C-alpha atoms as a PDB file:
ATOM      1  CA  UNK A   1     -14.872  31.659  -8.446  1.00  0.00           C
ATOM      2  CA  UNK A   2     -15.258  28.003  -8.345  1.00  0.00           C
ATOM      3  CA  UNK A   3     -13.201  26.545  -5.484  1.00  0.00           C
ATOM      4  CA  UNK A   4     -11.090  23.722  -7.296  1.00  0.00           C
ATOM      5  CA  UNK A   5      -9.535  26.687  -9.724  1.00  0.00           C
ATOM      6  CA  UNK A   6      -7.186  28.010  -7.039  1.00  0.00           C
ATOM      7  CA  UNK A   7      -5.734  23.988  -6.530  1.00  0.00           C
ATOM      8  CA  UNK A   8      -2.238  23.641  -7.681  1.00  0.00           C
ATOM      9  CA  UNK A   9      -0.542  20.768  -8.507  1.00  0.00           C
ATOM     10  CA  UNK A  10       2.230  21.505  -6.097  1.00  0.00           C
ATOM     11  CA  UNK A  11      -0.651  21.618  -3.186  1.00  0.00           C
ATOM     12  CA  UNK A  12      -1.576  18.383  -4.196  1.00  0.00           C
ATOM     13  CA  UNK A  13       1.899  16.316  -4.080  1.00  0.00           C
ATOM     14  CA  UNK A  14       2.521  18.166  -0.636  1.00  0.00           C
ATOM     15  CA  UNK A  15      -1.020  16.496   0.646  1.00  0.00           C
ATOM     16  CA  UNK A  16      -0.221  13.248  -0.806  1.00  0.00           C
ATOM     17  CA  UNK A  17       3.115  13.373   1.066  1.00  0.00           C
ATOM     18  CA  UNK A  18       1.842  14.448   4.387  1.00  0.00           C
ATOM     19  CA  UNK A  19      -1.177  11.568   3.907  1.00  0.00           C
ATOM     20  CA  UNK A  20       1.115   8.817   2.862  1.00  0.00           C
ATOM     21  CA  UNK A  21       4.078   9.765   5.597  1.00  0.00           C
ATOM     22  CA  UNK A  22       1.364  10.699   8.797  1.00  0.00           C
ATOM     23  CA  UNK A  23       3.914  13.763   9.472  1.00  0.00           C
ATOM     24  CA  UNK A  24       4.337  17.248   7.832  1.00  0.00           C
ATOM     25  CA  UNK A  25       7.918  16.706   8.789  1.00  0.00           C
ATOM     26  CA  UNK A  26       8.793  14.008   6.842  1.00  0.00           C
ATOM     27  CA  UNK A  27       6.705  15.147   3.826  1.00  0.00           C
ATOM     28  CA  UNK A  28       9.039  17.960   3.956  1.00  0.00           C
ATOM     29  CA  UNK A  29      11.822  15.703   3.766  1.00  0.00           C
ATOM     30  CA  UNK A  30      10.172  13.513   1.055  1.00  0.00           C
ATOM     31  CA  UNK A  31       9.589  16.235  -0.947  1.00  0.00           C
ATOM     32  CA  UNK A  32      12.584  17.947  -0.359  1.00  0.00           C
ATOM     33  CA  UNK A  33      10.665  21.241   0.715  1.00  0.00           C
ATOM     34  CA  UNK A  34      10.769  23.023   4.057  1.00  0.00           C
ATOM     35  CA  UNK A  35       7.747  21.969   7.071  1.00  0.00           C
ATOM     36  CA  UNK A  36       6.130  25.457   6.484  1.00  0.00           C
ATOM     37  CA  UNK A  37       5.833  24.753   2.851  1.00  0.00           C
ATOM     38  CA  UNK A  38       3.731  21.364   3.232  1.00  0.00           C
ATOM     39  CA  UNK A  39       1.644  23.176   6.457  1.00  0.00           C
ATOM     40  CA  UNK A  40       0.976  26.253   3.970  1.00  0.00           C
ATOM     41  CA  UNK A  41      -0.218  23.697   1.314  1.00  0.00           C
ATOM     42  CA  UNK A  42      -2.546  21.877   3.625  1.00  0.00           C
ATOM     43  CA  UNK A  43      -4.057  24.974   5.422  1.00  0.00           C
ATOM     44  CA  UNK A  44      -4.569  26.620   1.881  1.00  0.00           C
ATOM     45  CA  UNK A  45      -6.207  23.388   0.408  1.00  0.00           C
ATOM     46  CA  UNK A  46      -8.529  23.508   3.840  1.00  0.00           C
ATOM     47  CA  UNK A  47      -9.720  27.032   3.274  1.00  0.00           C
ATOM     48  CA  UNK A  48     -10.297  26.616  -0.476  1.00  0.00           C
ATOM     49  CA  UNK A  49     -12.136  23.072   0.075  1.00  0.00           C
ATOM     50  CA  UNK A  50     -13.987  24.345   3.349  1.00  0.00           C
ATOM     51  CA  UNK A  51     -13.158  20.792   5.018  1.00  0.00           C
ATOM     52  CA  UNK A  52     -10.678  19.791   7.077  1.00  0.00           C
ATOM     53  CA  UNK A  53      -8.493  17.228   5.778  1.00  0.00           C
ATOM     54  CA  UNK A  54      -6.393  16.091   8.752  1.00  0.00           C
ATOM     55  CA  UNK A  55      -6.663  15.989  12.276  1.00  0.00           C
ATOM     56  CA  UNK A  56      -3.415  17.172  14.197  1.00  0.00           C
ATOM     57  CA  UNK A  57      -2.360  14.622  16.669  1.00  0.00           C
ATOM     58  CA  UNK A  58       0.791  15.012  19.059  1.00  0.00           C
ATOM     59  CA  UNK A  59       3.114  12.826  17.008  1.00  0.00           C
ATOM     60  CA  UNK A  60       1.688  13.510  13.418  1.00  0.00           C
ATOM     61  CA  UNK A  61      -1.084  13.765  11.495  1.00  0.00           C
ATOM     62  CA  UNK A  62      -4.103  11.232  10.287  1.00  0.00           C
ATOM     63  CA  UNK A  63      -6.636  11.852   7.354  1.00  0.00           C
ATOM     64  CA  UNK A  64     -10.005  12.611   8.095  1.00  0.00           C
ATOM     65  CA  UNK A  65     -12.901  10.779   6.346  1.00  0.00           C
ATOM     66  CA  UNK A  66     -12.821  13.720   3.543  1.00  0.00           C
ATOM     67  CA  UNK A  67      -9.477  13.964   3.892  1.00  0.00           C
ATOM     68  CA  UNK A  68      -9.259  10.095   3.085  1.00  0.00           C
ATOM     69  CA  UNK A  69     -11.708  10.892   0.256  1.00  0.00           C
ATOM     70  CA  UNK A  70      -9.812  13.747  -1.056  1.00  0.00           C
ATOM     71  CA  UNK A  71      -6.035  11.850  -1.155  1.00  0.00           C
ATOM     72  CA  UNK A  72      -7.915   8.953  -3.302  1.00  0.00           C
ATOM     73  CA  UNK A  73      -9.016  11.876  -6.214  1.00  0.00           C
ATOM     74  CA  UNK A  74      -5.454  14.274  -5.672  1.00  0.00           C
ATOM     75  CA  UNK A  75      -3.732  10.401  -6.132  1.00  0.00           C
ATOM     76  CA  UNK A  76      -5.440  10.168  -9.240  1.00  0.00           C
ATOM     77  CA  UNK A  77      -4.685  13.320 -10.315  1.00  0.00           C
ATOM     78  CA  UNK A  78      -1.528  12.847  -9.938  1.00  0.00           C
ATOM     79  CA  UNK A  79      -1.168   9.532 -11.570  1.00  0.00           C
ATOM     80  CA  UNK A  80      -2.623  10.702 -14.429  1.00  0.00           C
ATOM     81  CA  UNK A  81      -0.221  13.502 -14.882  1.00  0.00           C
ATOM     82  CA  UNK A  82       2.389  10.946 -14.742  1.00  0.00           C
ATOM     83  CA  UNK A  83       0.737   8.737 -17.391  1.00  0.00           C
ATOM     84  CA  UNK A  84       0.441  11.837 -19.919  1.00  0.00           C
ATOM     85  CA  UNK A  85       3.689  12.834 -19.322  1.00  0.00           C
ATOM     86  CA  UNK A  86       5.279   9.235 -19.772  1.00  0.00           C
ATOM     87  CA  UNK A  87       2.663   7.886 -22.658  1.00  0.00           C
ATOM     88  CA  UNK A  88       5.124   9.177 -25.712  1.00  0.00           C
ATOM     89  CA  UNK A  89       7.868   7.013 -24.718  1.00  0.00           C
ATOM     90  CA  UNK A  90       5.581   3.617 -23.408  1.00  0.00           C
ATOM     91  CA  UNK A  91       3.532   3.835 -26.660  1.00  0.00           C
ATOM     92  CA  UNK A  92       6.420   3.372 -29.039  1.00  0.00           C
ATOM     93  CA  UNK A  93       6.412   1.007 -30.394  1.00  0.00           C
ATOM     94  CA  UNK A  94       2.384  -0.186 -29.844  1.00  0.00           C
ATOM     95  CA  UNK A  95       2.440  -3.164 -28.285  1.00  0.00           C
ATOM     96  CA  UNK A  96      -0.004  -6.035 -28.917  1.00  0.00           C
ATOM     97  CA  UNK A  97      -0.871  -9.909 -27.586  1.00  0.00           C
ATOM     98  CA  UNK A  98      -1.506 -11.290 -24.626  1.00  0.00           C
ATOM     99  CA  UNK A  99      -0.161 -10.630 -20.729  1.00  0.00           C
ATOM    100  CA  UNK A 100      -0.676 -13.494 -18.687  1.00  0.00           C
ATOM    101  CA  UNK A 101      -0.242 -12.427 -14.789  1.00  0.00           C
ATOM    102  CA  UNK A 102      -1.448 -13.811 -11.347  1.00  0.00           C
ATOM    103  CA  UNK A 103      -1.562 -11.945  -8.210  1.00  0.00           C
ATOM    104  CA  UNK A 104      -3.043 -13.155  -4.685  1.00  0.00           C
ATOM    105  CA  UNK A 105      -5.916 -11.982  -2.467  1.00  0.00           C
ATOM    106  CA  UNK A 106      -3.751  -8.789  -0.943  1.00  0.00           C
ATOM    107  CA  UNK A 107      -2.324  -7.548  -4.196  1.00  0.00           C
ATOM    108  CA  UNK A 108      -5.661  -7.889  -6.035  1.00  0.00           C
ATOM    109  CA  UNK A 109      -7.677  -5.928  -3.675  1.00  0.00           C
ATOM    110  CA  UNK A 110      -5.016  -3.220  -2.392  1.00  0.00           C
ATOM    111  CA  UNK A 111      -2.525  -2.888  -5.138  1.00  0.00           C
ATOM    112  CA  UNK A 112      -3.005  -4.354  -8.613  1.00  0.00           C
ATOM    113  CA  UNK A 113      -6.049  -2.693  -9.692  1.00  0.00           C
ATOM    114  CA  UNK A 114      -5.193   0.952 -10.348  1.00  0.00           C
ATOM    115  CA  UNK A 115      -1.776  -0.108 -12.223  1.00  0.00           C
ATOM    116  CA  UNK A 116      -3.702  -2.654 -14.641  1.00  0.00           C
ATOM    117  CA  UNK A 117      -6.097   0.213 -15.477  1.00  0.00           C
ATOM    118  CA  UNK A 118      -3.233   2.234 -16.049  1.00  0.00           C
ATOM    119  CA  UNK A 119      -1.286   0.002 -18.033  1.00  0.00           C
ATOM    120  CA  UNK A 120      -4.574  -0.413 -20.184  1.00  0.00           C
ATOM    121  CA  UNK A 121      -4.650   3.034 -21.139  1.00  0.00           C
ATOM    122  CA  UNK A 122      -1.334   3.027 -22.231  1.00  0.00           C
ATOM    123  CA  UNK A 123      -1.354  -0.241 -24.017  1.00  0.00           C
ATOM    124  CA  UNK A 124      -4.841  -0.634 -25.223  1.00  0.00           C
ATOM    125  CA  UNK A 125      -4.124  -3.160 -27.755  1.00  0.00           C
ATOM    126  CA  UNK A 126      -2.711  -5.542 -25.106  1.00  0.00           C
ATOM    127  CA  UNK A 127      -5.296  -8.284 -23.566  1.00  0.00           C
ATOM    128  CA  UNK A 128      -4.781  -8.909 -19.995  1.00  0.00           C
ATOM    129  CA  UNK A 129      -5.350 -12.519 -18.827  1.00  0.00           C
ATOM    130  CA  UNK A 130      -5.322 -12.157 -15.084  1.00  0.00           C
ATOM    131  CA  UNK A 131      -5.321 -14.974 -12.480  1.00  0.00           C
ATOM    132  CA  UNK A 132      -6.260 -15.228  -8.994  1.00  0.00           C
ATOM    133  CA  UNK A 133      -3.753 -17.641  -7.112  1.00  0.00           C
ATOM    134  CA  UNK A 134      -2.189 -18.257  -3.795  1.00  0.00           C
ATOM    135  CA  UNK A 135       2.014 -17.935  -3.685  1.00  0.00           C
ATOM    136  CA  UNK A 136       2.823 -21.552  -4.173  1.00  0.00           C
ATOM    137  CA  UNK A 137       0.333 -21.787  -7.158  1.00  0.00           C
ATOM    138  CA  UNK A 138       1.762 -18.320  -8.813  1.00  0.00           C
ATOM    139  CA  UNK A 139       5.601 -19.756  -8.276  1.00  0.00           C
ATOM    140  CA  UNK A 140       4.521 -23.122  -9.822  1.00  0.00           C
ATOM    141  CA  UNK A 141       2.358 -21.376 -12.595  1.00  0.00           C
ATOM    142  CA  UNK A 142       5.494 -19.318 -13.545  1.00  0.00           C
ATOM    143  CA  UNK A 143       8.152 -22.265 -13.559  1.00  0.00           C
ATOM    144  CA  UNK A 144       6.166 -23.892 -15.729  1.00  0.00           C
ATOM    145  CA  UNK A 145       5.474 -21.261 -18.309  1.00  0.00           C
ATOM    146  CA  UNK A 146       1.629 -21.141 -17.794  1.00  0.00           C
ATOM    147  CA  UNK A 147       1.662 -17.442 -17.082  1.00  0.00           C
ATOM    148  CA  UNK A 148       4.538 -15.030 -17.742  1.00  0.00           C
ATOM    149  CA  UNK A 149       5.282 -13.279 -14.688  1.00  0.00           C
ATOM    150  CA  UNK A 150       3.603 -12.988 -11.113  1.00  0.00           C
ATOM    151  CA  UNK A 151       3.003 -10.310  -8.599  1.00  0.00           C
ATOM    152  CA  UNK A 152       3.280 -11.344  -5.202  1.00  0.00           C
ATOM    153  CA  UNK A 153       4.653 -10.603  -1.601  1.00  0.00           C
ATOM    154  CA  UNK A 154       8.472 -11.429  -2.027  1.00  0.00           C
ATOM    155  CA  UNK A 155       9.008 -11.540   1.670  1.00  0.00           C
ATOM    156  CA  UNK A 156       6.930 -14.765   1.622  1.00  0.00           C
ATOM    157  CA  UNK A 157       8.931 -16.258  -1.489  1.00  0.00           C
ATOM    158  CA  UNK A 158      10.904 -19.418  -0.991  1.00  0.00           C
ATOM    159  CA  UNK A 159      14.359 -19.668  -2.485  1.00  0.00           C
ATOM    160  CA  UNK A 160      13.801 -16.329  -4.000  1.00  0.00           C
ATOM    161  CA  UNK A 161      17.062 -17.304  -6.528  1.00  0.00           C
ATOM    162  CA  UNK A 162      14.840 -19.713  -8.568  1.00  0.00           C
ATOM    163  CA  UNK A 163      13.064 -16.364 -10.121  1.00  0.00           C
ATOM    164  CA  UNK A 164      14.494 -13.345 -11.771  1.00  0.00           C
ATOM    165  CA  UNK A 165      12.508 -11.046  -9.784  1.00  0.00           C
ATOM    166  CA  UNK A 166      12.357  -7.055  -9.027  1.00  0.00           C
ATOM    167  CA  UNK A 167      10.884  -5.557  -5.858  1.00  0.00           C
ATOM    168  CA  UNK A 168       8.399  -2.743  -6.803  1.00  0.00           C
ATOM    169  CA  UNK A 169       7.049  -1.285  -3.014  1.00  0.00           C
ATOM    170  CA  UNK A 170       8.383  -1.526   0.365  1.00  0.00           C
ATOM    171  CA  UNK A 171       5.067  -1.481   2.594  1.00  0.00           C
ATOM    172  CA  UNK A 172       5.891   0.097   6.193  1.00  0.00           C
ATOM    173  CA  UNK A 173       3.816  -2.281   8.935  1.00  0.00           C
ATOM    174  CA  UNK A 174       2.316  -0.621  11.875  1.00  0.00           C
ATOM    175  CA  UNK A 175       0.258  -1.102  14.770  1.00  0.00           C
ATOM    176  CA  UNK A 176      -3.648  -0.570  14.493  1.00  0.00           C
ATOM    177  CA  UNK A 177      -6.079   0.209  16.952  1.00  0.00           C
ATOM    178  CA  UNK A 178      -9.486   1.652  18.268  1.00  0.00           C
ATOM    179  CA  UNK A 179      -9.380   5.645  18.651  1.00  0.00           C
ATOM    180  CA  UNK A 180      -9.828   5.411  22.077  1.00  0.00           C
ATOM    181  CA  UNK A 181      -7.426   2.524  22.794  1.00  0.00           C
ATOM    182  CA  UNK A 182      -4.838   2.825  25.901  1.00  0.00           C
ATOM    183  CA  UNK A 183      -1.820   2.367  23.369  1.00  0.00           C
ATOM    184  CA  UNK A 184      -2.531   5.508  21.694  1.00  0.00           C
ATOM    185  CA  UNK A 185      -0.916   7.270  24.723  1.00  0.00           C
ATOM    186  CA  UNK A 186       2.410   6.505  23.609  1.00  0.00           C
ATOM    187  CA  UNK A 187       3.997   7.786  20.536  1.00  0.00           C
ATOM    188  CA  UNK A 188       5.105   4.087  19.177  1.00  0.00           C
ATOM    189  CA  UNK A 189       4.422   0.813  21.255  1.00  0.00           C
ATOM    190  CA  UNK A 190       7.001  -2.221  21.897  1.00  0.00           C
ATOM    191  CA  UNK A 191       6.034  -5.723  21.544  1.00  0.00           C
ATOM    192  CA  UNK A 192       5.775  -5.979  24.773  1.00  0.00           C
ATOM    193  CA  UNK A 193       3.378  -3.520  25.267  1.00  0.00           C
ATOM    194  CA  UNK A 194       1.024  -4.810  22.167  1.00  0.00           C
ATOM    195  CA  UNK A 195       1.314  -8.548  23.833  1.00  0.00           C
ATOM    196  CA  UNK A 196      -0.591  -7.420  26.644  1.00  0.00           C
ATOM    197  CA  UNK A 197      -3.590  -6.733  24.636  1.00  0.00           C
ATOM    198  CA  UNK A 198      -5.780  -9.278  22.535  1.00  0.00           C
ATOM    199  CA  UNK A 199      -4.510  -9.731  19.002  1.00  0.00           C
ATOM    200  CA  UNK A 200      -6.579 -10.016  15.941  1.00  0.00           C
ATOM    201  CA  UNK A 201      -4.736 -12.391  13.283  1.00  0.00           C
ATOM    202  CA  UNK A 202      -4.795 -11.823   9.889  1.00  0.00           C
ATOM    203  CA  UNK A 203      -4.658 -14.848   8.047  1.00  0.00           C
ATOM    204  CA  UNK A 204      -4.714 -14.303   4.106  1.00  0.00           C
ATOM    205  CA  UNK A 205      -1.564 -14.404   2.471  1.00  0.00           C
ATOM    206  CA  UNK A 206       0.572 -16.096   4.962  1.00  0.00           C
ATOM    207  CA  UNK A 207       0.268 -13.467   6.971  1.00  0.00           C
ATOM    208  CA  UNK A 208       0.140 -15.367  10.076  1.00  0.00           C
ATOM    209  CA  UNK A 209       3.536 -17.097   9.635  1.00  0.00           C
ATOM    210  CA  UNK A 210       5.040 -13.706   8.452  1.00  0.00           C
ATOM    211  CA  UNK A 211       3.866 -12.179  11.974  1.00  0.00           C
ATOM    212  CA  UNK A 212       5.162 -15.595  13.844  1.00  0.00           C
ATOM    213  CA  UNK A 213       8.633 -14.876  12.293  1.00  0.00           C
ATOM    214  CA  UNK A 214       8.774 -11.319  13.668  1.00  0.00           C
ATOM    215  CA  UNK A 215       7.504 -11.811  17.074  1.00  0.00           C
ATOM    216  CA  UNK A 216       9.207 -14.875  17.519  1.00  0.00           C
ATOM    217  CA  UNK A 217      12.796 -12.683  16.753  1.00  0.00           C
ATOM    218  CA  UNK A 218      11.777 -10.615  19.747  1.00  0.00           C
ATOM    219  CA  UNK A 219      11.081 -13.460  21.758  1.00  0.00           C
ATOM    220  CA  UNK A 220       7.142 -12.634  22.462  1.00  0.00           C
ATOM    221  CA  UNK A 221       4.024 -14.046  21.505  1.00  0.00           C
ATOM    222  CA  UNK A 222       1.127 -12.179  20.762  1.00  0.00           C
ATOM    223  CA  UNK A 223      -2.218 -12.695  22.752  1.00  0.00           C
ATOM    224  CA  UNK A 224      -3.906 -13.839  19.676  1.00  0.00           C
ATOM    225  CA  UNK A 225      -7.632 -13.345  20.500  1.00  0.00           C
ATOM    226  CA  UNK A 226      -9.544 -13.967  16.868  1.00  0.00           C
ATOM    227  CA  UNK A 227      -8.259 -15.504  13.268  1.00  0.00           C
ATOM    228  CA  UNK A 228      -9.962 -14.269  10.343  1.00  0.00           C
ATOM    229  CA  UNK A 229      -9.849 -14.288   6.822  1.00  0.00           C
ATOM    230  CA  UNK A 230     -11.505 -11.137   6.363  1.00  0.00           C
ATOM    231  CA  UNK A 231      -9.982  -7.849   6.097  1.00  0.00           C
ATOM    232  CA  UNK A 232     -13.286  -6.109   6.804  1.00  0.00           C
ATOM    233  CA  UNK A 233     -14.094  -8.314   9.890  1.00  0.00           C
ATOM    234  CA  UNK A 234     -10.567  -7.463  11.513  1.00  0.00           C
ATOM    235  CA  UNK A 235     -11.044  -3.652  10.698  1.00  0.00           C
ATOM    236  CA  UNK A 236     -14.690  -3.805  12.489  1.00  0.00           C
ATOM    237  CA  UNK A 237     -12.872  -5.507  15.526  1.00  0.00           C
ATOM    238  CA  UNK A 238     -10.241  -3.391  15.805  1.00  0.00           C
ATOM    239  CA  UNK A 239     -12.245  -0.422  15.253  1.00  0.00           C
ATOM    240  CA  UNK A 240     -14.405  -1.472  18.092  1.00  0.00           C
ATOM    241  CA  UNK A 241     -11.948  -2.030  20.728  1.00  0.00           C
ATOM    242  CA  UNK A 242     -11.844  -5.746  20.622  1.00  0.00           C
ATOM    243  CA  UNK A 243      -7.783  -6.196  19.667  1.00  0.00           C
ATOM    244  CA  UNK A 244      -5.103  -4.826  17.891  1.00  0.00           C
ATOM    245  CA  UNK A 245      -3.051  -5.955  14.582  1.00  0.00           C
ATOM    246  CA  UNK A 246      -0.151  -4.929  12.873  1.00  0.00           C
ATOM    247  CA  UNK A 247      -0.375  -4.808   9.130  1.00  0.00           C
ATOM    248  CA  UNK A 248       1.218  -3.026   6.025  1.00  0.00           C
ATOM    249  CA  UNK A 249       0.475   0.657   5.175  1.00  0.00           C
ATOM    250  CA  UNK A 250      -0.799  -0.873   1.919  1.00  0.00           C
ATOM    251  CA  UNK A 251      -4.155  -2.133   3.572  1.00  0.00           C
ATOM    252  CA  UNK A 252      -4.715   0.333   5.615  1.00  0.00           C
ATOM    253  CA  UNK A 253      -7.482   1.857   5.683  1.00  0.00           C
ATOM    254  CA  UNK A 254      -8.859   4.673   8.319  1.00  0.00           C
ATOM    255  CA  UNK A 255     -12.755   3.385   9.115  1.00  0.00           C
ATOM    256  CA  UNK A 256     -14.130   0.154   9.473  1.00  0.00           C
ATOM    257  CA  UNK A 257     -17.310  -0.297   7.014  1.00  0.00           C
ATOM    258  CA  UNK A 258     -20.187   1.525  10.117  1.00  0.00           C
ATOM    259  CA  UNK A 259     -17.886   4.467   9.939  1.00  0.00           C
ATOM    260  CA  UNK A 260     -15.257   3.481  13.245  1.00  0.00           C
ATOM    261  CA  UNK A 261     -12.163   5.488  13.609  1.00  0.00           C
ATOM    262  CA  UNK A 262      -8.908   2.984  12.998  1.00  0.00           C
ATOM    263  CA  UNK A 263      -5.838   4.474  13.903  1.00  0.00           C
ATOM    264  CA  UNK A 264      -2.050   3.278  13.007  1.00  0.00           C
ATOM    265  CA  UNK A 265       0.936   3.854  14.903  1.00  0.00           C
ATOM    266  CA  UNK A 266       4.956   3.018  14.270  1.00  0.00           C
ATOM    267  CA  UNK A 267       6.086   0.011  16.622  1.00  0.00           C
ATOM    268  CA  UNK A 268       8.962   0.606  18.550  1.00  0.00           C
ATOM    269  CA  UNK A 269      10.612  -2.338  17.641  1.00  0.00           C
ATOM    270  CA  UNK A 270      12.084  -3.240  14.410  1.00  0.00           C
ATOM    271  CA  UNK A 271       9.136  -4.593  11.713  1.00  0.00           C
ATOM    272  CA  UNK A 272      10.203  -5.806   8.440  1.00  0.00           C
ATOM    273  CA  UNK A 273       8.221  -4.228   5.638  1.00  0.00           C
ATOM    274  CA  UNK A 274       6.347  -6.121   3.144  1.00  0.00           C
ATOM    275  CA  UNK A 275       7.855  -6.153   0.165  1.00  0.00           C
ATOM    276  CA  UNK A 276       5.713  -6.154  -2.958  1.00  0.00           C
ATOM    277  CA  UNK A 277       7.422  -7.275  -6.075  1.00  0.00           C
ATOM    278  CA  UNK A 278       7.302  -9.143  -9.568  1.00  0.00           C
ATOM    279  CA  UNK A 279       8.762 -13.071 -10.245  1.00  0.00           C
ATOM    280  CA  UNK A 280       9.302 -14.351 -13.489  1.00  0.00           C
ATOM    281  CA  UNK A 281      11.517 -17.282 -15.304  1.00  0.00           C
ATOM    282  CA  UNK A 282      15.202 -16.703 -15.226  1.00  0.00           C
ATOM    283  CA  UNK A 283      15.383 -18.746 -18.021  1.00  0.00           C
ATOM    284  CA  UNK A 284      13.596 -17.593 -20.499  1.00  0.00           C
ATOM    285  CA  UNK A 285      13.181 -13.843 -22.011  1.00  0.00           C
ATOM    286  CA  UNK A 286       9.538 -12.177 -21.575  1.00  0.00           C
ATOM    287  CA  UNK A 287       7.068 -11.805 -24.145  1.00  0.00           C
ATOM    288  CA  UNK A 288       6.721  -8.040 -25.484  1.00  0.00           C
ATOM    289  CA  UNK A 289       3.530  -7.555 -23.414  1.00  0.00           C
ATOM    290  CA  UNK A 290       5.101  -9.177 -20.142  1.00  0.00           C
ATOM    291  CA  UNK A 291       8.344  -6.865 -20.869  1.00  0.00           C
ATOM    292  CA  UNK A 292       6.563  -3.799 -21.539  1.00  0.00           C
ATOM    293  CA  UNK A 293       4.094  -4.360 -18.531  1.00  0.00           C
ATOM    294  CA  UNK A 294       7.318  -5.122 -16.238  1.00  0.00           C
ATOM    295  CA  UNK A 295       8.917  -1.815 -17.201  1.00  0.00           C
ATOM    296  CA  UNK A 296       5.870   0.041 -16.488  1.00  0.00           C
ATOM    297  CA  UNK A 297       5.572  -1.402 -13.019  1.00  0.00           C
ATOM    298  CA  UNK A 298       9.063  -0.581 -12.518  1.00  0.00           C
ATOM    299  CA  UNK A 299       8.894   3.263 -13.752  1.00  0.00           C
ATOM    300  CA  UNK A 300       5.617   3.353 -12.141  1.00  0.00           C
ATOM    301  CA  UNK A 301       6.551   2.273  -8.661  1.00  0.00           C
ATOM    302  CA  UNK A 302       9.722   3.983  -8.649  1.00  0.00           C
ATOM    303  CA  UNK A 303       8.156   7.175  -9.607  1.00  0.00           C
END
């Protein structure tokens, strides 16, 4: 009997919940089941696949390299199932036309592509006109009517009331360290703890400004050792122990390009989540393809 014939959708859902929360207890709460149900589902998956999917740690769990790859497949399967169930409603009436949208670096790289692919499967007759812009450019293009809507980090939008908007995702921000960093001895580290170590600062999508706001709210300044616009450079430096950073779960990957482990841990102090959402003109109705895309994203992200 092939290994995958014994795998159930329930096991996949419980596994994905554990992978995304980092704790079996939190996965159980999110899935409305007992913690033992999550634990047993993961154990059965590991036995069926013949590999460890999680590393068990004192504070929770983290995906192994094999677990990370399996998480990508499992998420794709569950997303495809959602689309199949939802498809009759989204396909009627059939949409045609052009969808003009824009997004910035982080969202183009880590959020939007799989959603666009799923939207295209549901609306094959809609042409997607996609633009790469910074936040200011997106805001201006929306107000001038050059694009239908922008997918943006809403946390960075100034005077949000200028736009109709909708929050799609709130991505938790956590501390990133190497696998052997002293801060891992704590269940969670405070800003004061983190400030004692070199800080690697990402500069794209106004990350430096948003970092400055929540550090300033605590009256502490991080010991910034290096600034970079390259996510992979940041991952490599952190994985090799050159510094730490605080970044959102949306962009977290547990490995650098050369295979060194990166750990993520909660921050003791309050760190605001990264809000991702849509903006569009408040004074004009959306064209039908754009309205279909808005409804698709709201439904998909809520699910």
